[in-house]
N, C-alpha and C. Protein backbone atom coordinates (compact mmCIF):
# COMPACT_ATOMS: atom_id res chain seq x y z
N MET A 1 0.76 -1.11 0.01
CA MET A 1 -0.11 -0.04 0.00
C MET A 1 0.89 1.27 0.00
N SER A 2 1.91 1.26 0.76
CA SER A 2 2.86 2.42 0.76
C SER A 2 3.34 2.68 -0.62
N ASP A 3 3.64 1.70 -1.37
CA ASP A 3 4.02 1.93 -2.78
C ASP A 3 2.96 2.59 -3.66
N GLU A 4 1.73 2.27 -3.48
CA GLU A 4 0.58 2.88 -4.16
C GLU A 4 0.57 4.30 -3.73
N LYS A 5 0.62 4.57 -2.34
CA LYS A 5 0.65 5.90 -1.79
C LYS A 5 1.74 6.77 -2.28
N ASN A 6 2.90 6.19 -2.24
CA ASN A 6 4.10 6.91 -2.90
C ASN A 6 3.86 7.25 -4.32
N LEU A 7 3.33 6.27 -5.08
CA LEU A 7 3.10 6.44 -6.55
C LEU A 7 1.95 7.59 -6.68
N SER A 8 0.97 7.55 -5.90
CA SER A 8 -0.01 8.57 -5.90
C SER A 8 0.54 9.87 -5.46
N ASP A 9 1.30 9.83 -4.45
CA ASP A 9 1.91 11.19 -4.17
C ASP A 9 2.87 11.70 -5.18
N ASP A 10 3.56 10.85 -5.82
CA ASP A 10 4.37 11.20 -7.00
C ASP A 10 3.52 11.64 -8.21
N LEU A 11 2.43 11.13 -8.37
CA LEU A 11 1.59 11.56 -9.54
C LEU A 11 1.00 12.91 -9.17
N ASN A 12 0.61 13.00 -8.01
CA ASN A 12 0.01 14.37 -7.58
C ASN A 12 1.08 15.38 -7.70
N ASP A 13 2.31 15.15 -7.27
CA ASP A 13 3.26 16.04 -7.23
C ASP A 13 3.62 16.43 -8.80
N MET A 14 3.56 15.43 -9.72
CA MET A 14 3.73 15.76 -11.01
C MET A 14 2.60 16.53 -11.68
N LEU A 15 1.40 16.23 -11.27
CA LEU A 15 0.31 17.06 -11.69
C LEU A 15 0.23 18.40 -11.34
N ASP A 16 0.76 18.55 -10.04
CA ASP A 16 0.91 20.01 -9.49
C ASP A 16 2.00 20.70 -10.15
N ASP A 17 3.13 20.10 -10.48
CA ASP A 17 4.19 20.63 -11.30
C ASP A 17 3.63 21.08 -12.65
N ALA A 18 2.84 20.17 -13.24
CA ALA A 18 2.53 20.42 -14.57
C ALA A 18 1.50 21.66 -14.57
N LYS A 19 0.64 21.73 -13.49
CA LYS A 19 -0.19 22.85 -13.34
C LYS A 19 0.40 24.09 -13.15
N ASP A 20 1.61 24.12 -12.23
CA ASP A 20 2.34 25.24 -12.16
C ASP A 20 3.04 25.70 -13.49
N GLY A 21 3.60 24.68 -14.16
CA GLY A 21 4.10 25.06 -15.43
C GLY A 21 3.16 25.61 -16.37
N ALA A 22 1.99 25.15 -16.45
CA ALA A 22 0.89 25.59 -17.42
C ALA A 22 0.58 27.11 -16.88
N LYS A 23 0.51 27.31 -15.68
CA LYS A 23 0.17 28.55 -15.19
C LYS A 23 1.40 29.58 -15.47
N ASN A 24 2.58 29.08 -15.35
CA ASN A 24 3.62 30.07 -15.75
C ASN A 24 3.52 30.38 -17.08
N ALA A 25 3.39 29.20 -18.03
CA ALA A 25 3.33 29.44 -19.49
C ALA A 25 2.27 30.45 -19.86
N ALA A 26 1.03 30.28 -19.14
CA ALA A 26 -0.02 31.23 -19.42
C ALA A 26 0.27 32.69 -19.02
N ASP A 27 0.94 32.79 -17.93
CA ASP A 27 1.39 34.20 -17.44
C ASP A 27 2.41 34.81 -18.45
N LYS A 28 3.34 33.90 -18.95
CA LYS A 28 4.43 34.44 -20.03
C LYS A 28 3.72 34.66 -21.25
N ALA A 29 2.77 33.92 -21.63
CA ALA A 29 1.90 34.16 -22.93
C ALA A 29 1.34 35.44 -22.75
N GLY A 30 0.64 35.79 -21.67
CA GLY A 30 -0.07 36.99 -21.36
C GLY A 30 0.80 38.23 -21.53
N ASP A 31 2.03 38.12 -20.83
CA ASP A 31 3.07 39.13 -20.87
C ASP A 31 3.46 39.44 -22.33
N MET A 32 3.69 38.25 -23.21
CA MET A 32 4.14 38.46 -24.41
C MET A 32 2.98 39.13 -25.29
N ALA A 33 1.87 38.71 -25.06
CA ALA A 33 0.70 39.26 -25.85
C ALA A 33 0.54 40.81 -25.44
N ASP A 34 0.77 41.20 -24.17
CA ASP A 34 0.78 42.54 -23.95
C ASP A 34 1.89 43.41 -24.63
N ASP A 35 3.08 42.74 -24.67
CA ASP A 35 4.17 43.34 -25.35
C ASP A 35 3.94 43.67 -26.80
N ALA A 36 3.26 42.40 -27.41
CA ALA A 36 3.02 42.42 -28.86
C ALA A 36 1.90 43.55 -29.10
N LYS A 37 1.08 43.77 -28.14
CA LYS A 37 -0.04 44.76 -28.33
C LYS A 37 0.53 46.15 -28.17
N ASP A 38 1.50 46.33 -27.30
CA ASP A 38 2.20 47.68 -27.20
C ASP A 38 3.00 47.86 -28.42
N LYS A 39 3.71 46.95 -28.93
CA LYS A 39 4.49 47.10 -30.18
C LYS A 39 3.54 47.34 -31.35
N ALA A 40 2.52 46.74 -31.43
CA ALA A 40 1.51 46.96 -32.64
C ALA A 40 0.99 48.35 -32.55
N LYS A 41 0.67 48.84 -31.32
CA LYS A 41 0.19 50.33 -31.15
C LYS A 41 1.19 51.32 -31.59
N GLU A 42 2.56 50.91 -31.19
CA GLU A 42 3.77 51.74 -31.59
C GLU A 42 3.94 51.88 -33.04
N PHE A 43 3.84 50.61 -33.66
CA PHE A 43 3.92 50.47 -35.14
C PHE A 43 2.84 51.14 -35.79
N ALA A 44 1.59 51.21 -35.39
CA ALA A 44 0.46 51.81 -35.90
C ALA A 44 0.63 53.31 -35.79
N ASN A 45 1.01 53.69 -34.74
CA ASN A 45 1.23 55.28 -34.58
C ASN A 45 2.37 55.75 -35.50
N ASP A 46 3.51 54.93 -35.69
CA ASP A 46 4.60 55.19 -36.60
C ASP A 46 4.03 55.36 -37.95
N ALA A 47 3.30 54.28 -38.37
CA ALA A 47 2.68 54.18 -39.65
C ALA A 47 1.71 55.34 -40.11
N LYS A 48 1.06 55.73 -38.91
CA LYS A 48 0.01 56.88 -39.14
C LYS A 48 0.88 58.28 -39.31
N ALA A 49 1.92 58.31 -38.64
CA ALA A 49 2.82 59.53 -38.82
C ALA A 49 3.46 59.54 -40.17
N THR A 50 3.93 58.42 -40.59
CA THR A 50 4.69 58.31 -41.96
C THR A 50 3.57 58.61 -43.02
N ALA A 51 2.42 58.03 -42.89
CA ALA A 51 1.44 58.23 -43.95
C ALA A 51 1.14 59.87 -43.91
N SER A 52 0.93 60.38 -42.82
CA SER A 52 0.70 61.97 -42.83
C SER A 52 1.80 62.71 -43.30
N GLU A 53 3.04 62.29 -43.15
CA GLU A 53 4.20 62.88 -43.67
C GLU A 53 4.16 62.75 -45.32
N PHE A 54 3.98 61.70 -45.81
CA PHE A 54 3.82 61.30 -47.07
C PHE A 54 2.72 62.17 -47.89
N ALA A 55 1.57 62.15 -47.20
CA ALA A 55 0.46 63.09 -47.75
C ALA A 55 0.85 64.48 -47.88
N ASN A 56 1.55 64.97 -46.89
CA ASN A 56 2.01 66.42 -46.85
C ASN A 56 3.02 66.62 -48.03
N ASP A 57 4.03 65.72 -48.13
CA ASP A 57 4.86 65.80 -49.14
C ASP A 57 4.18 65.82 -50.65
N ALA A 58 3.38 64.73 -50.82
CA ALA A 58 2.56 64.77 -51.95
C ALA A 58 1.80 65.94 -52.27
N LYS A 59 1.28 66.69 -51.29
CA LYS A 59 0.69 67.84 -51.54
C LYS A 59 1.64 68.95 -52.03
N GLU A 60 2.68 68.82 -51.42
CA GLU A 60 3.70 69.92 -51.82
C GLU A 60 4.29 69.68 -53.13
N VAL A 61 4.34 68.34 -53.58
CA VAL A 61 4.90 68.08 -54.92
C VAL A 61 3.82 68.48 -56.02
N PHE A 62 2.70 68.13 -55.69
CA PHE A 62 1.65 68.46 -56.78
C PHE A 62 1.29 69.82 -56.95
N SER A 63 1.55 70.65 -55.79
CA SER A 63 1.40 72.04 -55.84
C SER A 63 2.39 72.76 -56.59
N ASP A 64 3.44 72.07 -56.90
CA ASP A 64 4.50 72.70 -57.69
C ASP A 64 4.21 72.43 -59.17
N GLY A 65 4.18 73.39 -59.99
CA GLY A 65 3.79 73.24 -61.41
C GLY A 65 4.88 72.49 -62.32
N LYS A 66 6.01 72.24 -61.66
CA LYS A 66 7.11 71.69 -62.39
C LYS A 66 6.66 70.25 -62.90
N ASN A 67 6.01 69.62 -61.94
CA ASN A 67 5.51 68.14 -62.22
C ASN A 67 4.55 68.20 -63.35
N ILE A 68 3.60 69.05 -63.26
CA ILE A 68 2.55 69.03 -64.32
C ILE A 68 3.27 69.43 -65.72
N ALA A 69 4.30 70.27 -65.64
CA ALA A 69 4.98 70.63 -66.84
C ALA A 69 5.79 69.60 -67.55
N ILE A 70 6.32 68.75 -66.62
CA ILE A 70 6.94 67.57 -67.15
C ILE A 70 6.02 66.54 -67.87
N ILE A 71 4.95 66.37 -66.97
CA ILE A 71 3.90 65.33 -67.45
C ILE A 71 3.38 65.75 -68.80
N ALA A 72 3.14 67.09 -68.92
CA ALA A 72 2.54 67.52 -70.14
C ALA A 72 3.42 67.15 -71.49
N HIS A 73 4.68 66.73 -71.15
CA HIS A 73 5.63 66.44 -72.35
C HIS A 73 5.54 64.92 -72.67
N ILE A 74 4.85 64.09 -71.97
CA ILE A 74 4.72 62.75 -72.10
C ILE A 74 3.70 62.32 -72.91
N THR A 75 3.60 62.27 -74.18
CA THR A 75 2.68 61.95 -75.21
C THR A 75 1.50 62.78 -75.11
N ILE A 76 0.41 62.46 -75.71
CA ILE A 76 -1.08 63.20 -75.58
C ILE A 76 -1.68 62.81 -74.35
N ILE A 77 -1.44 61.62 -74.02
CA ILE A 77 -2.14 61.20 -72.76
C ILE A 77 -1.49 61.86 -71.52
N GLY A 78 -0.27 62.01 -71.64
CA GLY A 78 0.28 62.79 -70.49
C GLY A 78 -0.09 64.19 -70.53
N TRP A 79 -0.44 64.77 -71.58
CA TRP A 79 -0.73 66.15 -71.96
C TRP A 79 -2.19 66.27 -71.36
N VAL A 80 -2.97 65.37 -71.56
CA VAL A 80 -4.51 65.21 -71.02
C VAL A 80 -4.27 65.12 -69.46
N ILE A 81 -3.51 64.30 -68.95
CA ILE A 81 -3.31 64.10 -67.56
C ILE A 81 -2.87 65.52 -66.87
N ALA A 82 -1.90 66.12 -67.45
CA ALA A 82 -1.46 67.32 -66.82
C ALA A 82 -2.61 68.40 -67.07
N LEU A 83 -3.34 68.44 -68.07
CA LEU A 83 -4.40 69.43 -68.06
C LEU A 83 -5.47 69.13 -67.00
N VAL A 84 -5.79 67.79 -66.70
CA VAL A 84 -6.71 67.62 -65.59
C VAL A 84 -6.08 68.04 -64.42
N MET A 85 -4.73 67.73 -63.95
CA MET A 85 -4.14 67.95 -62.87
C MET A 85 -4.11 69.55 -62.69
N ASN A 86 -3.79 70.29 -63.68
CA ASN A 86 -3.75 71.57 -63.63
C ASN A 86 -5.14 72.32 -63.44
N SER A 87 -6.12 71.69 -63.79
CA SER A 87 -7.46 72.24 -63.75
C SER A 87 -7.96 72.32 -62.29
N SER A 88 -7.53 71.36 -61.49
CA SER A 88 -7.89 71.50 -59.98
C SER A 88 -6.95 72.54 -59.24
N ASN A 89 -5.68 72.58 -59.62
CA ASN A 89 -4.88 73.37 -58.86
C ASN A 89 -3.94 74.20 -59.91
N LYS A 90 -4.46 75.31 -60.44
CA LYS A 90 -3.71 75.89 -61.51
C LYS A 90 -2.44 76.59 -60.94
N THR A 91 -1.38 76.23 -61.66
CA THR A 91 -0.05 76.97 -61.46
C THR A 91 0.46 77.53 -62.80
N GLU A 92 1.12 78.64 -62.73
CA GLU A 92 1.57 79.32 -63.75
C GLU A 92 2.49 78.50 -64.61
N LEU A 93 3.50 77.83 -64.12
CA LEU A 93 4.36 77.01 -64.92
C LEU A 93 3.69 75.89 -65.64
N GLY A 94 2.85 75.29 -64.90
CA GLY A 94 2.05 74.00 -65.50
C GLY A 94 1.14 74.54 -66.67
N SER A 95 0.61 75.65 -66.61
CA SER A 95 -0.31 76.29 -67.65
C SER A 95 0.60 76.64 -68.84
N PHE A 96 1.63 77.23 -68.43
CA PHE A 96 2.58 77.68 -69.48
C PHE A 96 2.96 76.48 -70.44
N TYR A 97 3.48 75.33 -69.81
CA TYR A 97 3.92 74.25 -70.69
C TYR A 97 2.77 73.43 -71.27
N ILE A 98 1.61 73.46 -70.60
CA ILE A 98 0.43 72.81 -71.29
C ILE A 98 0.08 73.62 -72.55
N ARG A 99 0.27 74.98 -72.54
CA ARG A 99 -0.04 75.61 -73.82
C ARG A 99 1.04 75.44 -74.91
N GLN A 100 2.29 75.39 -74.42
CA GLN A 100 3.43 75.10 -75.32
C GLN A 100 3.26 73.63 -76.02
N MET A 101 2.95 72.67 -75.14
CA MET A 101 2.75 71.45 -75.71
C MET A 101 1.60 71.31 -76.75
N LEU A 102 0.50 71.95 -76.38
CA LEU A 102 -0.65 71.93 -77.32
C LEU A 102 -0.24 72.61 -78.56
N GLY A 103 0.51 73.47 -78.68
CA GLY A 103 0.91 74.16 -79.94
C GLY A 103 1.80 73.19 -80.66
N LEU A 104 2.66 72.46 -79.97
CA LEU A 104 3.61 71.55 -80.70
C LEU A 104 2.82 70.27 -81.13
N ILE A 105 1.87 69.84 -80.43
CA ILE A 105 1.13 68.87 -80.77
C ILE A 105 0.28 69.03 -82.06
N ILE A 106 -0.27 70.26 -82.10
CA ILE A 106 -1.04 70.68 -83.27
C ILE A 106 -0.19 70.73 -84.46
N ILE A 107 0.92 71.47 -84.29
CA ILE A 107 1.89 71.64 -85.37
C ILE A 107 2.38 70.28 -85.93
N SER A 108 2.73 69.39 -85.07
CA SER A 108 2.96 68.06 -85.47
C SER A 108 1.81 67.23 -86.16
N PHE A 109 0.75 67.40 -85.66
CA PHE A 109 -0.43 66.69 -86.34
C PHE A 109 -0.57 67.27 -87.69
N ILE A 110 -0.60 68.54 -87.83
CA ILE A 110 -0.71 69.31 -89.23
C ILE A 110 0.44 68.78 -90.12
N GLY A 111 1.57 68.85 -89.62
CA GLY A 111 2.79 68.57 -90.45
C GLY A 111 2.71 67.23 -90.93
N SER A 112 2.05 66.17 -90.24
CA SER A 112 2.15 64.84 -90.72
C SER A 112 1.33 64.69 -91.94
N PHE A 113 0.47 65.56 -92.32
CA PHE A 113 -0.28 65.52 -93.51
C PHE A 113 0.36 66.21 -94.76
N ILE A 114 1.66 66.83 -94.76
CA ILE A 114 2.26 67.40 -95.68
C ILE A 114 3.32 66.40 -96.21
N PRO A 115 3.16 65.81 -97.33
CA PRO A 115 3.97 64.63 -97.75
C PRO A 115 5.43 64.97 -97.87
N VAL A 116 5.78 66.02 -98.33
CA VAL A 116 7.17 66.29 -98.63
C VAL A 116 7.94 66.82 -97.41
N LEU A 117 7.28 67.62 -96.60
CA LEU A 117 7.89 68.21 -95.46
C LEU A 117 7.62 67.56 -94.19
N ASN A 118 6.88 66.36 -94.04
CA ASN A 118 6.68 65.81 -92.74
C ASN A 118 7.86 65.33 -92.09
N LEU A 119 8.85 64.83 -92.82
CA LEU A 119 10.06 64.37 -92.02
C LEU A 119 10.79 65.55 -91.37
N VAL A 120 10.86 66.86 -92.09
CA VAL A 120 11.64 67.76 -91.56
C VAL A 120 10.79 68.51 -90.38
N ILE A 121 9.43 68.43 -90.61
CA ILE A 121 8.71 69.04 -89.54
C ILE A 121 8.73 68.20 -88.18
N TRP A 122 8.67 66.76 -88.40
CA TRP A 122 8.74 66.00 -87.25
C TRP A 122 10.11 66.06 -86.64
N ILE A 123 11.28 66.24 -87.32
CA ILE A 123 12.54 66.48 -86.67
C ILE A 123 12.63 67.77 -86.01
N LEU A 124 11.99 68.85 -86.55
CA LEU A 124 11.96 70.15 -85.96
C LEU A 124 11.14 70.02 -84.66
N MET A 125 9.99 69.39 -84.66
CA MET A 125 9.20 69.31 -83.63
C MET A 125 9.79 68.48 -82.49
N LEU A 126 10.67 67.48 -82.83
CA LEU A 126 11.41 66.74 -81.87
C LEU A 126 12.41 67.64 -81.06
N VAL A 127 13.10 68.45 -81.91
CA VAL A 127 14.11 69.33 -81.28
C VAL A 127 13.51 70.44 -80.48
N LEU A 128 12.22 70.90 -80.86
CA LEU A 128 11.55 71.94 -80.12
C LEU A 128 10.93 71.19 -78.84
N TRP A 129 10.66 70.01 -78.82
CA TRP A 129 9.98 69.19 -77.85
C TRP A 129 11.05 68.95 -76.75
N ILE A 130 12.30 68.72 -77.24
CA ILE A 130 13.56 68.54 -76.28
C ILE A 130 13.71 69.68 -75.70
N MET A 131 13.78 70.81 -76.26
CA MET A 131 14.11 72.13 -75.69
C MET A 131 13.16 72.42 -74.66
N SER A 132 11.77 72.13 -75.01
CA SER A 132 10.76 72.57 -74.11
C SER A 132 10.81 71.72 -72.81
N LEU A 133 11.17 70.47 -72.96
CA LEU A 133 11.28 69.58 -71.88
C LEU A 133 12.46 69.79 -71.02
N ILE A 134 13.59 70.52 -71.54
CA ILE A 134 14.70 70.85 -70.69
C ILE A 134 14.22 72.11 -69.93
N GLY A 135 13.43 72.99 -70.51
CA GLY A 135 13.07 74.13 -69.73
C GLY A 135 12.00 73.73 -68.59
N ALA A 136 11.27 72.63 -68.96
CA ALA A 136 10.19 72.20 -67.88
C ALA A 136 10.99 71.55 -66.74
N LEU A 137 12.00 70.67 -67.16
CA LEU A 137 12.88 70.06 -66.05
C LEU A 137 13.62 71.12 -65.16
N SER A 138 14.08 72.19 -65.83
CA SER A 138 14.78 73.30 -64.95
C SER A 138 13.79 74.14 -64.26
N GLY A 139 12.46 74.02 -64.46
CA GLY A 139 11.58 74.88 -63.74
C GLY A 139 11.34 76.23 -64.31
N GLU A 140 11.92 76.55 -65.46
CA GLU A 140 11.88 77.78 -66.03
C GLU A 140 10.90 77.97 -67.16
N LYS A 141 10.16 78.98 -67.42
CA LYS A 141 9.32 79.21 -68.59
C LYS A 141 10.08 79.74 -69.62
N LYS A 142 10.46 78.81 -70.60
CA LYS A 142 11.27 79.10 -71.78
C LYS A 142 10.18 78.75 -73.01
N PRO A 143 9.80 79.78 -73.66
CA PRO A 143 8.86 79.46 -74.77
C PRO A 143 9.69 78.90 -75.89
N THR A 144 9.14 78.01 -76.72
CA THR A 144 9.64 77.48 -77.98
C THR A 144 10.03 78.52 -78.84
N PRO A 145 11.10 78.38 -79.64
CA PRO A 145 11.55 79.36 -80.65
C PRO A 145 10.41 79.61 -81.65
N LEU A 146 10.21 80.68 -82.25
CA LEU A 146 9.30 81.04 -83.28
C LEU A 146 8.01 81.24 -82.83
N LEU A 147 7.39 80.02 -82.42
CA LEU A 147 5.79 80.15 -82.12
C LEU A 147 5.44 80.11 -80.60
N GLY A 148 6.29 80.02 -79.90
CA GLY A 148 6.13 79.89 -78.45
C GLY A 148 5.28 81.13 -77.83
N GLU A 149 5.43 82.19 -78.18
CA GLU A 149 4.84 83.37 -77.55
C GLU A 149 3.31 83.41 -78.13
N HIS A 150 3.24 82.87 -79.41
CA HIS A 150 1.94 82.85 -80.08
C HIS A 150 1.14 81.63 -79.37
N PHE A 151 1.75 80.65 -79.00
CA PHE A 151 0.89 79.49 -78.40
C PHE A 151 0.43 80.02 -77.02
N GLN A 152 1.20 81.00 -76.43
CA GLN A 152 0.68 81.48 -75.07
C GLN A 152 -0.56 82.42 -75.25
N ASN A 153 -0.56 83.08 -76.45
CA ASN A 153 -1.62 84.00 -76.77
C ASN A 153 -2.79 83.29 -77.21
N TRP A 154 -2.53 82.28 -78.12
CA TRP A 154 -3.66 81.54 -78.70
C TRP A 154 -4.43 80.56 -77.70
N PHE A 155 -3.73 80.08 -76.86
CA PHE A 155 -4.37 79.15 -75.93
C PHE A 155 -4.33 79.60 -74.38
N LYS A 156 -4.53 80.86 -74.30
CA LYS A 156 -4.49 81.54 -72.94
C LYS A 156 -5.65 81.04 -72.06
N ALA A 157 -6.65 80.40 -72.80
CA ALA A 157 -7.76 80.02 -71.92
C ALA A 157 -7.38 78.70 -70.95
N LEU A 158 -6.28 78.05 -71.30
CA LEU A 158 -5.91 76.95 -70.78
C LEU A 158 -5.20 77.24 -69.57
C-alpha cells in the first residue's frame, strides 16, 4: 500500500508541477501578448505619422507646377493628365507648358499630312520638344522658338 501511496503522491506532485508549469506558461503568454499589443500600437502610430508626412509631401509636390509641366511632355495622354491635374490646382508654370505642348502637338499633327515636309517638320518638332522638356525640367518658363509666344496668346484659356 505504501508503494501505491508513494506512486499516488508522485503523480499528484507531477500534476501540481504540470499545473504550475501551465500557469507560468499562461502568464508568460499574457506578458508576451501585452508586449505585442504595445508594439503593434507603436507600429500603428509610426505608420500613421509616416502616412501623414507622405500626404503632406505629396501635396507639396503636386502644388509645384514643375511636375505638371513635365507630365505635359509625355505623349498626348500625358498632356491630358497634366491638363486635368492643372485644372484643379492651376499653376503658372504648369499652364505655360500645357499651352506650349498643345501648340507643338497641333503643329506635329498638321505637319504629318504634308507629304514632302513631314520628316523635316517631325525632326523640328522633336528638337523643339526636347528644348521645351529641358525648360520644364529646370522649372523655367522658356517659350519654344518662333511660335512659343503665339502659343501662349492663342491658348491663354488653358
